[in-house]
């Protein structure tokens, strides 16, 4: 049985979102590739750009897993847990990267530039790992 044509279009859109998110992430991390490195160090725009890229990749991966999931099967608890882990992982990425702006980081934002240090980078990495775990739980196929 072939999937409806809307599913194919939505799957292609989700792949395009993943690719666009990856390019936004790379531009956020390495802005000198496109000659947009205006500030020394890591600035607020760079942080926002790579978070936007992570968000696009997350959204695209979820959309692809949603489109390719068998709709005849009932929705299980692991799908709900996976969705919540995906969302929680992205929130962890955003809070970790913007810690100085939120006032929970080690540097005060008004007096110094935002800082993306070792702990913030570790928080972003932990958030990405939680997103990947959530996507694994959501997309996992089990024969019934």
N, C-alpha and C. Protein backbone atom coordinates (compact mmCIF):
# COMPACT_ATOMS: atom_id res chain seq x y z
N UNK A 1 0.83 -1.18 0.00
CA UNK A 1 0.00 0.00 0.00
C UNK A 1 0.87 1.25 0.00
N UNK A 2 0.65 2.12 -0.95
CA UNK A 2 1.43 3.34 -1.05
C UNK A 2 0.87 4.41 -0.12
N UNK A 3 1.78 5.22 0.48
CA UNK A 3 1.29 6.31 1.32
C UNK A 3 0.66 7.39 0.44
N UNK A 4 -0.23 8.21 1.00
CA UNK A 4 -0.82 9.28 0.21
C UNK A 4 0.24 10.27 -0.26
N UNK A 5 -0.02 10.98 -1.36
CA UNK A 5 1.00 11.91 -1.87
C UNK A 5 1.32 13.04 -0.90
N UNK A 6 0.39 13.39 -0.01
CA UNK A 6 0.67 14.44 0.96
C UNK A 6 1.79 14.01 1.91
N UNK A 7 1.82 12.72 2.24
CA UNK A 7 2.86 12.21 3.13
C UNK A 7 4.23 12.33 2.48
N UNK A 8 4.32 12.06 1.19
CA UNK A 8 5.59 12.20 0.49
C UNK A 8 6.07 13.63 0.46
N UNK A 9 5.15 14.55 0.23
CA UNK A 9 5.52 15.97 0.22
C UNK A 9 5.97 16.43 1.61
N UNK A 10 5.25 15.97 2.61
CA UNK A 10 5.59 16.34 3.98
C UNK A 10 6.94 15.74 4.39
N UNK A 11 7.23 14.54 3.93
CA UNK A 11 8.53 13.92 4.21
C UNK A 11 9.66 14.71 3.54
N UNK A 12 9.44 15.15 2.31
CA UNK A 12 10.45 15.96 1.62
C UNK A 12 10.63 17.31 2.31
N UNK A 13 9.53 17.90 2.77
CA UNK A 13 9.62 19.16 3.51
C UNK A 13 10.41 18.97 4.80
N UNK A 14 10.20 17.86 5.48
CA UNK A 14 10.93 17.63 6.73
C UNK A 14 12.43 17.45 6.47
N UNK A 15 12.78 16.79 5.38
CA UNK A 15 14.20 16.65 5.03
C UNK A 15 14.79 18.02 4.69
N UNK A 16 14.03 18.85 4.00
CA UNK A 16 14.50 20.21 3.69
C UNK A 16 14.69 21.02 4.97
N UNK A 17 13.80 20.85 5.95
CA UNK A 17 13.96 21.53 7.23
C UNK A 17 15.23 21.09 7.95
N UNK A 18 15.51 19.80 7.89
CA UNK A 18 16.72 19.30 8.54
C UNK A 18 17.96 19.89 7.88
N UNK A 19 17.99 19.93 6.56
CA UNK A 19 19.14 20.47 5.84
C UNK A 19 19.29 21.97 6.09
N UNK A 20 18.18 22.71 6.03
CA UNK A 20 18.24 24.15 6.30
C UNK A 20 18.67 24.41 7.74
N UNK A 21 18.19 23.61 8.67
CA UNK A 21 18.61 23.76 10.06
C UNK A 21 20.08 23.48 10.25
N UNK A 22 20.59 22.48 9.52
CA UNK A 22 22.02 22.19 9.62
C UNK A 22 22.85 23.36 9.12
N UNK A 23 22.43 23.96 7.99
CA UNK A 23 23.17 25.11 7.48
C UNK A 23 23.09 26.30 8.42
N UNK A 24 21.94 26.53 9.03
CA UNK A 24 21.82 27.62 10.01
C UNK A 24 22.70 27.33 11.23
N UNK A 25 22.75 26.09 11.66
CA UNK A 25 23.60 25.71 12.79
C UNK A 25 25.07 25.95 12.46
N UNK A 26 25.51 25.53 11.29
CA UNK A 26 26.91 25.70 10.90
C UNK A 26 27.25 27.18 10.76
N UNK A 27 26.35 27.98 10.21
CA UNK A 27 26.60 29.42 10.10
C UNK A 27 26.66 30.06 11.48
N UNK A 28 25.83 29.59 12.41
CA UNK A 28 25.88 30.11 13.77
C UNK A 28 27.18 29.77 14.48
N UNK A 29 27.69 28.57 14.26
CA UNK A 29 28.94 28.15 14.90
C UNK A 29 30.16 28.75 14.21
N UNK A 30 30.15 28.76 12.89
CA UNK A 30 31.29 29.27 12.11
C UNK A 30 30.84 30.40 11.18
N UNK A 31 30.58 31.59 11.70
CA UNK A 31 30.10 32.68 10.84
C UNK A 31 31.15 33.19 9.87
N UNK A 32 32.41 32.89 10.13
CA UNK A 32 33.45 33.36 9.21
C UNK A 32 33.40 32.64 7.86
N UNK A 33 32.67 31.53 7.78
CA UNK A 33 32.51 30.83 6.50
C UNK A 33 31.77 31.69 5.48
N UNK A 34 30.87 32.52 5.95
CA UNK A 34 30.11 33.40 5.05
C UNK A 34 30.41 34.88 5.33
N UNK A 35 31.55 35.11 5.97
CA UNK A 35 32.05 36.46 6.27
C UNK A 35 31.06 37.30 7.08
N UNK A 36 30.49 36.69 8.10
CA UNK A 36 29.57 37.41 8.99
C UNK A 36 30.10 37.50 10.41
N UNK A 37 31.39 37.31 10.59
CA UNK A 37 31.98 37.37 11.92
C UNK A 37 32.30 38.81 12.29
N UNK A 38 31.31 39.50 12.87
CA UNK A 38 31.47 40.91 13.18
C UNK A 38 32.01 41.15 14.58
N UNK A 39 31.81 40.23 15.48
CA UNK A 39 32.25 40.41 16.86
C UNK A 39 33.28 39.36 17.22
N UNK A 40 34.25 39.72 18.06
CA UNK A 40 35.19 38.70 18.51
C UNK A 40 34.49 37.77 19.51
N UNK A 41 34.88 36.52 19.47
CA UNK A 41 34.26 35.57 20.39
C UNK A 41 32.90 35.12 19.88
N UNK A 42 32.06 34.73 20.82
CA UNK A 42 30.74 34.21 20.49
C UNK A 42 29.70 35.23 20.90
N UNK A 43 28.95 35.77 19.96
CA UNK A 43 27.98 36.81 20.26
C UNK A 43 26.56 36.28 20.36
N UNK A 44 25.68 37.18 20.71
CA UNK A 44 24.28 36.84 20.90
C UNK A 44 23.63 36.35 19.60
N UNK A 45 23.95 36.99 18.50
CA UNK A 45 23.36 36.60 17.22
C UNK A 45 23.83 35.20 16.83
N UNK A 46 25.08 34.89 17.11
CA UNK A 46 25.58 33.55 16.80
C UNK A 46 24.86 32.50 17.64
N UNK A 47 24.66 32.78 18.92
CA UNK A 47 23.96 31.84 19.79
C UNK A 47 22.53 31.62 19.29
N UNK A 48 21.85 32.72 18.97
CA UNK A 48 20.47 32.62 18.48
C UNK A 48 20.41 31.87 17.15
N UNK A 49 21.40 32.07 16.29
CA UNK A 49 21.41 31.40 14.99
C UNK A 49 21.62 29.90 15.14
N UNK A 50 22.55 29.48 15.98
CA UNK A 50 22.74 28.03 16.09
C UNK A 50 21.59 27.39 16.86
N UNK A 51 20.95 28.12 17.77
CA UNK A 51 19.75 27.57 18.42
C UNK A 51 18.59 27.45 17.42
N UNK A 52 18.47 28.42 16.53
CA UNK A 52 17.46 28.35 15.47
C UNK A 52 17.72 27.13 14.58
N UNK A 53 18.99 26.88 14.27
CA UNK A 53 19.35 25.71 13.46
C UNK A 53 19.02 24.40 14.16
N UNK A 54 19.31 24.33 15.46
CA UNK A 54 18.97 23.13 16.22
C UNK A 54 17.46 22.94 16.24
N UNK A 55 16.72 24.04 16.39
CA UNK A 55 15.26 23.97 16.39
C UNK A 55 14.70 23.48 15.07
N UNK A 56 15.24 23.99 13.96
CA UNK A 56 14.78 23.52 12.65
C UNK A 56 15.09 22.04 12.43
N UNK A 57 16.28 21.62 12.84
CA UNK A 57 16.63 20.21 12.68
C UNK A 57 15.74 19.32 13.54
N UNK A 58 15.45 19.78 14.74
CA UNK A 58 14.58 19.01 15.64
C UNK A 58 13.17 18.91 15.08
N UNK A 59 12.65 20.03 14.61
CA UNK A 59 11.31 20.05 14.05
C UNK A 59 11.23 19.16 12.81
N UNK A 60 12.24 19.25 11.94
CA UNK A 60 12.26 18.42 10.74
C UNK A 60 12.35 16.93 11.06
N UNK A 61 13.18 16.58 12.05
CA UNK A 61 13.30 15.17 12.42
C UNK A 61 12.00 14.64 13.02
N UNK A 62 11.36 15.45 13.86
CA UNK A 62 10.07 15.03 14.42
C UNK A 62 9.04 14.86 13.31
N UNK A 63 8.98 15.81 12.39
CA UNK A 63 8.01 15.76 11.31
C UNK A 63 8.23 14.52 10.44
N UNK A 64 9.49 14.19 10.17
CA UNK A 64 9.78 13.00 9.38
C UNK A 64 9.36 11.74 10.12
N UNK A 65 9.65 11.68 11.41
CA UNK A 65 9.24 10.50 12.20
C UNK A 65 7.72 10.40 12.26
N UNK A 66 7.05 11.53 12.34
CA UNK A 66 5.58 11.54 12.37
C UNK A 66 4.99 11.04 11.06
N UNK A 67 5.54 11.51 9.94
CA UNK A 67 5.01 11.14 8.63
C UNK A 67 5.25 9.67 8.34
N UNK A 68 6.39 9.16 8.72
CA UNK A 68 6.72 7.78 8.38
C UNK A 68 6.19 6.77 9.39
N UNK A 69 5.59 7.23 10.47
CA UNK A 69 5.03 6.32 11.48
C UNK A 69 3.75 5.69 10.94
N UNK A 70 3.54 4.43 11.28
CA UNK A 70 2.34 3.72 10.84
C UNK A 70 1.13 4.22 11.64
N UNK A 71 0.18 4.81 10.96
CA UNK A 71 -0.98 5.39 11.65
C UNK A 71 -1.99 4.34 12.09
N UNK A 72 -1.88 3.11 11.56
CA UNK A 72 -2.82 2.07 11.94
C UNK A 72 -2.56 1.59 13.37
N UNK A 73 -1.32 1.74 13.83
CA UNK A 73 -1.01 1.34 15.19
C UNK A 73 -1.51 2.40 16.16
N UNK A 74 -1.89 1.94 17.34
CA UNK A 74 -2.34 2.89 18.35
C UNK A 74 -1.15 3.65 18.90
N UNK A 75 -1.44 4.85 19.37
CA UNK A 75 -0.39 5.69 19.95
C UNK A 75 -0.04 5.13 21.32
N UNK A 76 1.24 4.97 21.56
CA UNK A 76 1.69 4.36 22.79
C UNK A 76 2.31 5.39 23.73
N UNK A 77 2.58 4.95 24.93
CA UNK A 77 3.18 5.81 25.94
C UNK A 77 4.57 6.28 25.51
N UNK A 78 5.32 5.42 24.83
CA UNK A 78 6.67 5.82 24.41
C UNK A 78 6.63 6.96 23.40
N UNK A 79 5.55 7.06 22.61
CA UNK A 79 5.42 8.19 21.70
C UNK A 79 5.27 9.49 22.50
N UNK A 80 4.43 9.46 23.53
CA UNK A 80 4.24 10.66 24.35
C UNK A 80 5.51 11.03 25.11
N UNK A 81 6.18 10.02 25.65
CA UNK A 81 7.43 10.28 26.36
C UNK A 81 8.48 10.84 25.40
N UNK A 82 8.55 10.28 24.19
CA UNK A 82 9.49 10.78 23.19
C UNK A 82 9.23 12.22 22.82
N UNK A 83 7.96 12.58 22.64
CA UNK A 83 7.63 13.97 22.32
C UNK A 83 8.05 14.91 23.43
N UNK A 84 7.80 14.52 24.67
CA UNK A 84 8.16 15.38 25.80
C UNK A 84 9.67 15.48 25.96
N UNK A 85 10.39 14.41 25.67
CA UNK A 85 11.85 14.47 25.72
C UNK A 85 12.41 15.36 24.61
N UNK A 86 11.81 15.31 23.44
CA UNK A 86 12.24 16.18 22.35
C UNK A 86 12.09 17.65 22.75
N UNK A 87 10.92 17.99 23.26
CA UNK A 87 10.67 19.37 23.67
C UNK A 87 11.56 19.78 24.84
N UNK A 88 11.72 18.90 25.81
CA UNK A 88 12.55 19.22 26.98
C UNK A 88 14.01 19.38 26.59
N UNK A 89 14.48 18.58 25.65
CA UNK A 89 15.85 18.70 25.18
C UNK A 89 16.10 20.03 24.50
N UNK A 90 15.14 20.49 23.71
CA UNK A 90 15.31 21.79 23.05
C UNK A 90 15.29 22.92 24.07
N UNK A 91 14.43 22.82 25.05
CA UNK A 91 14.40 23.84 26.11
C UNK A 91 15.73 23.84 26.87
N UNK A 92 16.27 22.67 27.13
CA UNK A 92 17.57 22.58 27.81
C UNK A 92 18.66 23.23 26.97
N UNK A 93 18.64 23.02 25.66
CA UNK A 93 19.60 23.68 24.77
C UNK A 93 19.49 25.20 24.86
N UNK A 94 18.26 25.70 24.79
CA UNK A 94 18.05 27.15 24.80
C UNK A 94 18.44 27.76 26.14
N UNK A 95 18.05 27.13 27.23
CA UNK A 95 18.37 27.67 28.55
C UNK A 95 19.88 27.62 28.79
N UNK A 96 20.53 26.56 28.38
CA UNK A 96 21.97 26.45 28.58
C UNK A 96 22.72 27.49 27.76
N UNK A 97 22.33 27.66 26.50
CA UNK A 97 23.04 28.60 25.64
C UNK A 97 22.79 30.05 26.05
N UNK A 98 21.59 30.35 26.52
CA UNK A 98 21.24 31.73 26.90
C UNK A 98 21.32 31.96 28.41
N UNK A 99 22.12 31.17 29.10
CA UNK A 99 22.18 31.25 30.56
C UNK A 99 22.58 32.64 31.05
N UNK A 100 23.54 33.27 30.40
CA UNK A 100 23.97 34.59 30.83
C UNK A 100 22.88 35.64 30.62
N UNK A 101 22.14 35.51 29.55
CA UNK A 101 21.06 36.46 29.29
C UNK A 101 19.90 36.28 30.27
N UNK A 102 19.68 35.03 30.71
CA UNK A 102 18.60 34.75 31.64
C UNK A 102 18.98 35.06 33.08
N UNK A 103 20.25 35.34 33.33
CA UNK A 103 20.69 35.66 34.67
C UNK A 103 21.09 34.46 35.50
N UNK A 104 21.22 33.29 34.90
CA UNK A 104 21.62 32.11 35.65
C UNK A 104 23.02 31.65 35.26
N UNK A 105 23.70 32.43 34.44
CA UNK A 105 25.05 32.08 34.01
C UNK A 105 26.10 32.67 34.93
N UNK A 106 27.34 32.46 34.59
CA UNK A 106 28.45 32.93 35.42
C UNK A 106 28.88 34.35 35.09
N UNK A 107 28.38 34.91 34.00
CA UNK A 107 28.72 36.27 33.60
C UNK A 107 27.46 37.12 33.61
N UNK A 108 27.56 38.32 34.12
CA UNK A 108 26.41 39.23 34.11
C UNK A 108 26.32 39.87 32.74
N UNK A 109 25.15 39.78 32.11
CA UNK A 109 25.01 40.23 30.73
C UNK A 109 25.17 41.75 30.56
N UNK A 110 24.55 42.60 31.35
CA UNK A 110 24.70 44.02 31.04
C UNK A 110 26.14 44.51 31.11
N UNK A 111 26.94 43.93 32.00
CA UNK A 111 28.31 44.42 32.15
C UNK A 111 29.30 43.73 31.21
N UNK A 112 28.97 42.56 30.71
CA UNK A 112 29.87 41.85 29.79
C UNK A 112 29.06 41.20 28.67
N UNK A 113 29.75 40.81 27.64
CA UNK A 113 29.09 40.16 26.50
C UNK A 113 28.64 38.76 26.91
N UNK A 114 27.62 38.22 26.24
CA UNK A 114 27.21 36.84 26.54
C UNK A 114 28.37 35.88 26.32
N UNK A 115 28.45 34.89 27.15
CA UNK A 115 29.57 33.97 27.12
C UNK A 115 29.05 32.56 26.95
N UNK A 116 29.60 31.84 26.00
CA UNK A 116 29.25 30.44 25.80
C UNK A 116 30.48 29.63 26.19
N UNK A 117 30.53 29.26 27.44
CA UNK A 117 31.69 28.55 27.97
C UNK A 117 31.51 27.05 27.96
N UNK A 118 32.36 26.40 28.74
CA UNK A 118 32.37 24.95 28.80
C UNK A 118 31.07 24.40 29.37
N UNK A 119 30.56 25.00 30.44
CA UNK A 119 29.33 24.50 31.06
C UNK A 119 28.13 24.72 30.16
N UNK A 120 28.07 25.88 29.50
CA UNK A 120 26.97 26.13 28.58
C UNK A 120 27.02 25.18 27.40
N UNK A 121 28.20 24.94 26.87
CA UNK A 121 28.34 24.01 25.75
C UNK A 121 27.95 22.60 26.16
N UNK A 122 28.33 22.23 27.37
CA UNK A 122 27.93 20.92 27.89
C UNK A 122 26.43 20.80 28.03
N UNK A 123 25.78 21.89 28.46
CA UNK A 123 24.32 21.89 28.56
C UNK A 123 23.65 21.76 27.20
N UNK A 124 24.20 22.43 26.19
CA UNK A 124 23.66 22.30 24.83
C UNK A 124 23.85 20.88 24.33
N UNK A 125 25.02 20.30 24.58
CA UNK A 125 25.26 18.92 24.18
C UNK A 125 24.31 17.96 24.89
N UNK A 126 24.09 18.17 26.18
CA UNK A 126 23.14 17.33 26.92
C UNK A 126 21.73 17.47 26.34
N UNK A 127 21.34 18.70 25.97
CA UNK A 127 20.04 18.92 25.36
C UNK A 127 19.89 18.20 24.04
N UNK A 128 20.94 18.22 23.23
CA UNK A 128 20.91 17.52 21.94
C UNK A 128 20.80 16.01 22.16
N UNK A 129 21.49 15.50 23.16
CA UNK A 129 21.40 14.06 23.46
C UNK A 129 20.00 13.69 23.93
N UNK A 130 19.35 14.55 24.71
CA UNK A 130 17.98 14.30 25.14
C UNK A 130 17.04 14.34 23.94
N UNK A 131 17.26 15.27 23.02
CA UNK A 131 16.45 15.33 21.79
C UNK A 131 16.61 14.03 21.00
N UNK A 132 17.83 13.55 20.88
CA UNK A 132 18.07 12.31 20.13
C UNK A 132 17.41 11.12 20.81
N UNK A 133 17.45 11.06 22.13
CA UNK A 133 16.77 9.99 22.86
C UNK A 133 15.27 10.05 22.63
N UNK A 134 14.70 11.26 22.67
CA UNK A 134 13.27 11.41 22.41
C UNK A 134 12.89 11.01 21.00
N UNK A 135 13.70 11.39 20.03
CA UNK A 135 13.43 10.98 18.65
C UNK A 135 13.53 9.47 18.48
N UNK A 136 14.49 8.86 19.16
CA UNK A 136 14.61 7.41 19.10
C UNK A 136 13.36 6.74 19.67
N UNK A 137 12.89 7.22 20.82
CA UNK A 137 11.69 6.64 21.42
C UNK A 137 10.47 6.85 20.54
N UNK A 138 10.36 8.03 19.94
CA UNK A 138 9.19 8.33 19.13
C UNK A 138 9.19 7.53 17.82
N UNK A 139 10.34 7.37 17.21
CA UNK A 139 10.41 6.73 15.89
C UNK A 139 10.64 5.23 15.94
N UNK A 140 10.87 4.68 17.12
CA UNK A 140 11.18 3.26 17.24
C UNK A 140 9.99 2.42 16.76
N UNK A 141 10.27 1.46 15.92
CA UNK A 141 9.23 0.58 15.40
C UNK A 141 9.28 -0.75 16.13
N UNK A 142 8.12 -1.18 16.59
CA UNK A 142 8.01 -2.46 17.30
C UNK A 142 6.93 -3.27 16.63
N UNK A 143 7.24 -4.49 16.27
CA UNK A 143 6.23 -5.37 15.68
C UNK A 143 5.31 -5.87 16.79
N UNK A 144 4.03 -5.82 16.51
CA UNK A 144 3.06 -6.25 17.52
C UNK A 144 2.54 -7.61 17.23
